[in-house]
């Protein structure tokens, strides 16, 4: 009896974890698309600021070393 219950529970877990009902491809438009786009834009701005800071530091270093 216990073996049958274990088999039934195992079968339930295996069938519950089947991903055949889930979509295979996630579309480009999703609920948080606007937020994700803003995060990407912020990352781009951060990179620009980092590049500008590096260039400014290089100019300062050149002035000091002259």
PDB file of N, CA and C in Angstrom:
ATOM      1  N   UNK A   1       0.816  -1.197   0.000  1.00  0.00           N
ATOM      2  CA  UNK A   1       0.000   0.000   0.000  1.00  0.00           C
ATOM      3  C   UNK A   1       0.865   1.269   0.000  1.00  0.00           C
ATOM      4  N   UNK A   2       1.890   1.275   0.825  1.00  0.00           N
ATOM      5  CA  UNK A   2       2.766   2.441   0.888  1.00  0.00           C
ATOM      6  C   UNK A   2       3.507   2.620  -0.432  1.00  0.00           C
ATOM      7  N   UNK A   3       3.888   1.509  -1.071  1.00  0.00           N
ATOM      8  CA  UNK A   3       4.582   1.606  -2.362  1.00  0.00           C
ATOM      9  C   UNK A   3       3.673   2.239  -3.404  1.00  0.00           C
ATOM     10  N   UNK A   4       2.418   1.893  -3.377  1.00  0.00           N
ATOM     11  CA  UNK A   4       1.470   2.453  -4.344  1.00  0.00           C
ATOM     12  C   UNK A   4       1.321   3.964  -4.107  1.00  0.00           C
ATOM     13  N   UNK A   5       1.247   4.370  -2.845  1.00  0.00           N
ATOM     14  CA  UNK A   5       1.131   5.788  -2.526  1.00  0.00           C
ATOM     15  C   UNK A   5       2.384   6.526  -2.976  1.00  0.00           C
ATOM     16  N   UNK A   6       3.556   5.930  -2.748  1.00  0.00           N
ATOM     17  CA  UNK A   6       4.804   6.557  -3.194  1.00  0.00           C
ATOM     18  C   UNK A   6       4.837   6.706  -4.709  1.00  0.00           C
ATOM     19  N   UNK A   7       4.406   5.692  -5.409  1.00  0.00           N
ATOM     20  CA  UNK A   7       4.382   5.739  -6.872  1.00  0.00           C
ATOM     21  C   UNK A   7       3.412   6.814  -7.350  1.00  0.00           C
ATOM     22  N   UNK A   8       2.254   6.904  -6.699  1.00  0.00           N
ATOM     23  CA  UNK A   8       1.273   7.915  -7.088  1.00  0.00           C
ATOM     24  C   UNK A   8       1.812   9.326  -6.829  1.00  0.00           C
ATOM     25  N   UNK A   9       2.455   9.523  -5.691  1.00  0.00           N
ATOM     26  CA  UNK A   9       3.016  10.835  -5.372  1.00  0.00           C
ATOM     27  C   UNK A   9       4.131  11.179  -6.348  1.00  0.00           C
ATOM     28  N   UNK A  10       4.994  10.210  -6.649  1.00  0.00           N
ATOM     29  CA  UNK A  10       6.076  10.436  -7.601  1.00  0.00           C
ATOM     30  C   UNK A  10       5.518  10.785  -8.978  1.00  0.00           C
ATOM     31  N   UNK A  11       4.503  10.082  -9.408  1.00  0.00           N
ATOM     32  CA  UNK A  11       3.868  10.363 -10.696  1.00  0.00           C
ATOM     33  C   UNK A  11       3.247  11.761 -10.698  1.00  0.00           C
ATOM     34  N   UNK A  12       2.646  12.134  -9.594  1.00  0.00           N
ATOM     35  CA  UNK A  12       2.059  13.467  -9.487  1.00  0.00           C
ATOM     36  C   UNK A  12       3.135  14.547  -9.621  1.00  0.00           C
ATOM     37  N   UNK A  13       4.262  14.381  -8.933  1.00  0.00           N
ATOM     38  CA  UNK A  13       5.339  15.364  -9.016  1.00  0.00           C
ATOM     39  C   UNK A  13       5.926  15.435 -10.421  1.00  0.00           C
ATOM     40  N   UNK A  14       6.104  14.300 -11.039  1.00  0.00           N
ATOM     41  CA  UNK A  14       6.675  14.285 -12.393  1.00  0.00           C
ATOM     42  C   UNK A  14       5.730  14.970 -13.372  1.00  0.00           C
ATOM     43  N   UNK A  15       4.445  14.668 -13.278  1.00  0.00           N
ATOM     44  CA  UNK A  15       3.498  15.284 -14.213  1.00  0.00           C
ATOM     45  C   UNK A  15       3.296  16.765 -13.905  1.00  0.00           C
ATOM     46  N   UNK A  16       3.413  17.157 -12.659  1.00  0.00           N
ATOM     47  CA  UNK A  16       3.256  18.570 -12.301  1.00  0.00           C
ATOM     48  C   UNK A  16       4.441  19.392 -12.784  1.00  0.00           C
ATOM     49  N   UNK A  17       5.594  18.796 -12.907  1.00  0.00           N
ATOM     50  CA  UNK A  17       6.793  19.514 -13.335  1.00  0.00           C
ATOM     51  C   UNK A  17       6.981  19.517 -14.842  1.00  0.00           C
ATOM     52  N   UNK A  18       6.074  18.940 -15.570  1.00  0.00           N
ATOM     53  CA  UNK A  18       6.162  18.911 -17.015  1.00  0.00           C
ATOM     54  C   UNK A  18       5.925  20.318 -17.545  1.00  0.00           C
ATOM     55  N   UNK A  19       6.782  20.782 -18.446  1.00  0.00           N
ATOM     56  CA  UNK A  19       6.679  22.145 -18.963  1.00  0.00           C
ATOM     57  C   UNK A  19       6.047  22.204 -20.342  1.00  0.00           C
ATOM     58  N   UNK A  20       5.257  21.221 -20.699  1.00  0.00           N
ATOM     59  CA  UNK A  20       4.665  21.210 -22.034  1.00  0.00           C
ATOM     60  C   UNK A  20       3.626  22.316 -22.210  1.00  0.00           C
ATOM     61  N   UNK A  21       3.053  22.819 -21.118  1.00  0.00           N
ATOM     62  CA  UNK A  21       2.047  23.874 -21.216  1.00  0.00           C
ATOM     63  C   UNK A  21       2.660  25.267 -21.281  1.00  0.00           C
ATOM     64  N   UNK A  22       3.925  25.385 -20.935  1.00  0.00           N
ATOM     65  CA  UNK A  22       4.552  26.698 -20.920  1.00  0.00           C
ATOM     66  C   UNK A  22       4.943  27.105 -22.335  1.00  0.00           C
ATOM     67  N   UNK A  23       4.884  28.393 -22.617  1.00  0.00           N
ATOM     68  CA  UNK A  23       5.291  28.843 -23.954  1.00  0.00           C
ATOM     69  C   UNK A  23       6.790  28.647 -24.159  1.00  0.00           C
ATOM     70  N   UNK A  24       7.158  28.244 -25.330  1.00  0.00           N
ATOM     71  CA  UNK A  24       8.559  27.975 -25.635  1.00  0.00           C
ATOM     72  C   UNK A  24       9.331  29.251 -25.926  1.00  0.00           C
ATOM     73  N   UNK A  25       8.650  30.258 -26.423  1.00  0.00           N
ATOM     74  CA  UNK A  25       9.324  31.490 -26.834  1.00  0.00           C
ATOM     75  C   UNK A  25       8.697  32.677 -26.110  1.00  0.00           C
ATOM     76  N   UNK A  26       9.517  33.429 -25.461  1.00  0.00           N
ATOM     77  CA  UNK A  26       9.041  34.621 -24.779  1.00  0.00           C
ATOM     78  C   UNK A  26       9.118  35.779 -25.764  1.00  0.00           C
ATOM     79  N   UNK A  27       8.040  36.485 -25.899  1.00  0.00           N
ATOM     80  CA  UNK A  27       7.990  37.593 -26.845  1.00  0.00           C
ATOM     81  C   UNK A  27       8.784  38.794 -26.360  1.00  0.00           C
ATOM     82  N   UNK A  28       9.044  39.702 -27.279  1.00  0.00           N
ATOM     83  CA  UNK A  28       9.787  40.915 -26.939  1.00  0.00           C
ATOM     84  C   UNK A  28       8.944  41.841 -26.061  1.00  0.00           C
ATOM     85  N   UNK A  29       7.640  41.826 -26.242  1.00  0.00           N
ATOM     86  CA  UNK A  29       6.768  42.667 -25.434  1.00  0.00           C
ATOM     87  C   UNK A  29       6.317  41.877 -24.217  1.00  0.00           C
ATOM     88  N   UNK A  30       6.648  42.406 -23.068  1.00  0.00           N
ATOM     89  CA  UNK A  30       6.217  41.771 -21.840  1.00  0.00           C
ATOM     90  C   UNK A  30       5.798  42.863 -20.860  1.00  0.00           C
ATOM     91  N   UNK A  31       5.330  42.464 -19.724  1.00  0.00           N
ATOM     92  CA  UNK A  31       4.756  43.405 -18.773  1.00  0.00           C
ATOM     93  C   UNK A  31       5.761  44.470 -18.345  1.00  0.00           C
ATOM     94  N   UNK A  32       7.008  44.077 -18.172  1.00  0.00           N
ATOM     95  CA  UNK A  32       8.020  45.008 -17.666  1.00  0.00           C
ATOM     96  C   UNK A  32       8.940  45.527 -18.769  1.00  0.00           C
ATOM     97  N   UNK A  33       8.463  45.551 -20.003  1.00  0.00           N
ATOM     98  CA  UNK A  33       9.301  45.981 -21.123  1.00  0.00           C
ATOM     99  C   UNK A  33       9.790  47.416 -20.924  1.00  0.00           C
ATOM    100  N   UNK A  34       8.907  48.287 -20.496  1.00  0.00           N
ATOM    101  CA  UNK A  34       9.298  49.688 -20.306  1.00  0.00           C
ATOM    102  C   UNK A  34      10.380  49.802 -19.233  1.00  0.00           C
ATOM    103  N   UNK A  35      10.221  49.065 -18.146  1.00  0.00           N
ATOM    104  CA  UNK A  35      11.222  49.109 -17.080  1.00  0.00           C
ATOM    105  C   UNK A  35      12.537  48.505 -17.541  1.00  0.00           C
ATOM    106  N   UNK A  36      12.469  47.414 -18.285  1.00  0.00           N
ATOM    107  CA  UNK A  36      13.684  46.771 -18.794  1.00  0.00           C
ATOM    108  C   UNK A  36      14.404  47.706 -19.767  1.00  0.00           C
ATOM    109  N   UNK A  37      13.652  48.416 -20.593  1.00  0.00           N
ATOM    110  CA  UNK A  37      14.260  49.371 -21.519  1.00  0.00           C
ATOM    111  C   UNK A  37      14.940  50.507 -20.770  1.00  0.00           C
ATOM    112  N   UNK A  38      14.304  50.970 -19.703  1.00  0.00           N
ATOM    113  CA  UNK A  38      14.908  52.046 -18.907  1.00  0.00           C
ATOM    114  C   UNK A  38      16.192  51.573 -18.230  1.00  0.00           C
ATOM    115  N   UNK A  39      16.219  50.342 -17.775  1.00  0.00           N
ATOM    116  CA  UNK A  39      17.433  49.793 -17.167  1.00  0.00           C
ATOM    117  C   UNK A  39      18.550  49.709 -18.197  1.00  0.00           C
ATOM    118  N   UNK A  40      18.218  49.261 -19.396  1.00  0.00           N
ATOM    119  CA  UNK A  40      19.224  49.199 -20.463  1.00  0.00           C
ATOM    120  C   UNK A  40      19.750  50.598 -20.799  1.00  0.00           C
ATOM    121  N   UNK A  41      18.854  51.558 -20.858  1.00  0.00           N
ATOM    122  CA  UNK A  41      19.263  52.933 -21.148  1.00  0.00           C
ATOM    123  C   UNK A  41      20.169  53.461 -20.036  1.00  0.00           C
ATOM    124  N   UNK A  42      19.821  53.147 -18.795  1.00  0.00           N
ATOM    125  CA  UNK A  42      20.645  53.588 -17.662  1.00  0.00           C
ATOM    126  C   UNK A  42      22.027  52.951 -17.711  1.00  0.00           C
ATOM    127  N   UNK A  43      22.106  51.708 -18.123  1.00  0.00           N
ATOM    128  CA  UNK A  43      23.412  51.046 -18.257  1.00  0.00           C
ATOM    129  C   UNK A  43      24.250  51.735 -19.326  1.00  0.00           C
ATOM    130  N   UNK A  44      23.615  52.133 -20.421  1.00  0.00           N
ATOM    131  CA  UNK A  44      24.332  52.847 -21.481  1.00  0.00           C
ATOM    132  C   UNK A  44      24.837  54.197 -20.987  1.00  0.00           C
ATOM    133  N   UNK A  45      24.011  54.901 -20.241  1.00  0.00           N
ATOM    134  CA  UNK A  45      24.422  56.191 -19.687  1.00  0.00           C
ATOM    135  C   UNK A  45      25.562  56.002 -18.698  1.00  0.00           C
ATOM    136  N   UNK A  46      25.472  54.966 -17.893  1.00  0.00           N
ATOM    137  CA  UNK A  46      26.544  54.676 -16.931  1.00  0.00           C
ATOM    138  C   UNK A  46      27.861  54.429 -17.655  1.00  0.00           C
ATOM    139  N   UNK A  47      27.822  53.702 -18.757  1.00  0.00           N
ATOM    140  CA  UNK A  47      29.033  53.442 -19.531  1.00  0.00           C
ATOM    141  C   UNK A  47      29.605  54.735 -20.096  1.00  0.00           C
ATOM    142  N   UNK A  48      28.739  55.614 -20.595  1.00  0.00           N
ATOM    143  CA  UNK A  48      29.205  56.907 -21.108  1.00  0.00           C
ATOM    144  C   UNK A  48      29.858  57.731 -20.002  1.00  0.00           C
ATOM    145  N   UNK A  49      29.251  57.747 -18.820  1.00  0.00           N
ATOM    146  CA  UNK A  49      29.825  58.499 -17.706  1.00  0.00           C
ATOM    147  C   UNK A  49      31.168  57.916 -17.275  1.00  0.00           C
ATOM    148  N   UNK A  50      31.264  56.600 -17.266  1.00  0.00           N
ATOM    149  CA  UNK A  50      32.532  55.964 -16.911  1.00  0.00           C
ATOM    150  C   UNK A  50      33.619  56.295 -17.923  1.00  0.00           C
ATOM    151  N   UNK A  51      33.267  56.273 -19.205  1.00  0.00           N
ATOM    152  CA  UNK A  51      34.241  56.622 -20.241  1.00  0.00           C
ATOM    153  C   UNK A  51      34.697  58.071 -20.097  1.00  0.00           C
ATOM    154  N   UNK A  52      33.758  58.959 -19.824  1.00  0.00           N
ATOM    155  CA  UNK A  52      34.107  60.368 -19.652  1.00  0.00           C
ATOM    156  C   UNK A  52      34.998  60.564 -18.428  1.00  0.00           C
ATOM    157  N   UNK A  53      34.713  59.840 -17.354  1.00  0.00           N
ATOM    158  CA  UNK A  53      35.531  59.954 -16.145  1.00  0.00           C
ATOM    159  C   UNK A  53      36.943  59.444 -16.395  1.00  0.00           C
ATOM    160  N   UNK A  54      37.072  58.380 -17.170  1.00  0.00           N
ATOM    161  CA  UNK A  54      38.397  57.839 -17.491  1.00  0.00           C
ATOM    162  C   UNK A  54      39.188  58.845 -18.327  1.00  0.00           C
ATOM    163  N   UNK A  55      38.530  59.435 -19.328  1.00  0.00           N
ATOM    164  CA  UNK A  55      39.215  60.435 -20.160  1.00  0.00           C
ATOM    165  C   UNK A  55      39.634  61.642 -19.331  1.00  0.00           C
ATOM    166  N   UNK A  56      38.774  62.077 -18.443  1.00  0.00           N
ATOM    167  CA  UNK A  56      39.100  63.219 -17.604  1.00  0.00           C
ATOM    168  C   UNK A  56      40.273  62.886 -16.685  1.00  0.00           C
ATOM    169  N   UNK A  57      40.290  61.691 -16.127  1.00  0.00           N
ATOM    170  CA  UNK A  57      41.395  61.277 -15.262  1.00  0.00           C
ATOM    171  C   UNK A  57      42.703  61.200 -16.041  1.00  0.00           C
ATOM    172  N   UNK A  58      42.630  60.733 -17.296  1.00  0.00           N
ATOM    173  CA  UNK A  58      43.830  60.680 -18.133  1.00  0.00           C
ATOM    174  C   UNK A  58      44.366  62.089 -18.405  1.00  0.00           C
ATOM    175  N   UNK A  59      43.469  63.039 -18.661  1.00  0.00           N
ATOM    176  CA  UNK A  59      43.904  64.425 -18.882  1.00  0.00           C
ATOM    177  C   UNK A  59      44.549  64.998 -17.634  1.00  0.00           C
ATOM    178  N   UNK A  60      43.957  64.706 -16.481  1.00  0.00           N
ATOM    179  CA  UNK A  60      44.528  65.190 -15.219  1.00  0.00           C
ATOM    180  C   UNK A  60      45.909  64.589 -14.998  1.00  0.00           C
ATOM    181  N   UNK A  61      46.031  63.295 -15.257  1.00  0.00           N
ATOM    182  CA  UNK A  61      47.322  62.628 -15.093  1.00  0.00           C
ATOM    183  C   UNK A  61      48.374  63.210 -16.040  1.00  0.00           C
ATOM    184  N   UNK A  62      47.970  63.525 -17.283  1.00  0.00           N
ATOM    185  CA  UNK A  62      48.903  64.120 -18.229  1.00  0.00           C
ATOM    186  C   UNK A  62      49.371  65.484 -17.747  1.00  0.00           C
ATOM    187  N   UNK A  63      48.465  66.288 -17.223  1.00  0.00           N
ATOM    188  CA  UNK A  63      48.823  67.615 -16.712  1.00  0.00           C
ATOM    189  C   UNK A  63      49.768  67.498 -15.530  1.00  0.00           C
ATOM    190  N   UNK A  64      49.543  66.537 -14.665  1.00  0.00           N
ATOM    191  CA  UNK A  64      50.397  66.347 -13.490  1.00  0.00           C
ATOM    192  C   UNK A  64      51.784  65.880 -13.901  1.00  0.00           C
ATOM    193  N   UNK A  65      51.876  65.005 -14.878  1.00  0.00           N
ATOM    194  CA  UNK A  65      53.151  64.428 -15.289  1.00  0.00           C
ATOM    195  C   UNK A  65      53.972  65.362 -16.185  1.00  0.00           C
ATOM    196  N   UNK A  66      53.446  66.460 -16.617  1.00  0.00           N
ATOM    197  CA  UNK A  66      54.198  67.371 -17.490  1.00  0.00           C
ATOM    198  C   UNK A  66      55.158  68.196 -16.745  1.00  0.00           C
TER     199      UNK A  66
END
